[in-house]
Amino acid sequence: MRRTILAFAGILATLIGLLWVAQGLGLLQWPPQSFMIADRQWALRGALLAGVGAIVLFAMRRR
């Protein structure tokens, strides 16, 4: 059960982080009225979140 929750959280964090990176770099213009579009600060936050998600997933596989 714990591994399932961690896996879900890691995947979710990675996907949301990648979405933020794409929006922050202006690569994804969705939703059109989003305040995150073309804001490099959100690209950095997204990269950090995706990195945390990847670390969680990697740590789970090592055990």
Protein backbone atom coordinates (compact mmCIF):
# COMPACT_ATOMS: atom_id res chain seq x y z
CA MET A 1 0.00 0.00 0.00
CA ARG A 2 2.78 2.43 0.96
CA ARG A 3 4.71 1.69 -2.23
CA THR A 4 1.60 2.31 -4.32
CA ILE A 5 1.04 5.69 -2.72
CA LEU A 6 4.70 6.65 -3.16
CA ALA A 7 4.66 5.52 -6.79
CA PHE A 8 1.51 7.54 -7.47
CA ALA A 9 2.98 10.61 -5.76
CA GLY A 10 6.26 10.28 -7.68
CA ILE A 11 4.54 9.92 -11.04
CA LEU A 12 2.13 12.76 -10.30
CA ALA A 13 4.95 15.09 -9.16
CA THR A 14 6.99 14.29 -12.26
CA LEU A 15 4.10 14.89 -14.65
CA ILE A 16 2.97 18.11 -12.98
CA GLY A 17 6.56 19.33 -12.89
CA LEU A 18 6.97 18.69 -16.61
CA LEU A 19 3.71 20.54 -17.27
CA TRP A 20 4.98 23.53 -15.30
CA VAL A 21 8.27 23.49 -17.22
CA ALA A 22 6.46 23.46 -20.55
CA GLN A 23 4.17 26.30 -19.48
CA GLY A 24 6.99 28.31 -17.93
CA LEU A 25 9.07 28.10 -21.10
CA GLY A 26 6.07 29.02 -23.24
CA LEU A 27 6.06 25.66 -25.02
CA LEU A 28 2.55 24.83 -23.87
CA GLN A 29 -0.06 27.58 -24.07
CA TRP A 30 -2.71 25.70 -22.09
CA PRO A 31 -4.90 26.94 -20.52
CA PRO A 32 -4.66 30.15 -22.57
CA GLN A 33 -5.27 32.49 -19.62
CA SER A 34 -2.74 30.83 -17.29
CA PHE A 35 -0.46 33.14 -15.32
CA MET A 36 2.34 30.56 -15.62
CA ILE A 37 2.81 30.87 -19.38
CA ALA A 38 6.25 32.21 -20.39
CA ASP A 39 7.28 32.75 -16.76
CA ARG A 40 10.75 31.26 -16.22
CA GLN A 41 10.16 31.09 -12.47
CA TRP A 42 7.52 28.39 -13.08
CA ALA A 43 9.90 26.52 -15.37
CA LEU A 44 12.42 26.36 -12.51
CA ARG A 45 9.79 25.29 -9.98
CA GLY A 46 8.55 22.64 -12.39
CA ALA A 47 12.06 21.29 -12.91
CA LEU A 48 12.51 21.02 -9.15
CA LEU A 49 9.17 19.27 -8.70
CA ALA A 50 9.89 16.85 -11.56
CA GLY A 51 13.30 16.15 -10.03
CA VAL A 52 11.76 15.35 -6.65
CA GLY A 53 9.27 13.04 -8.32
CA ALA A 54 12.04 11.27 -10.22
CA ILE A 55 14.09 10.86 -7.03
CA VAL A 56 11.09 9.29 -5.26
CA LEU A 57 10.58 6.86 -8.14
CA PHE A 58 14.29 6.02 -8.34
CA ALA A 59 14.53 5.46 -4.58
CA MET A 60 11.55 3.09 -4.71
CA ARG A 61 13.15 0.99 -7.44
CA ARG A 62 16.40 0.64 -5.49
CA ARG A 63 14.67 -1.03 -2.53
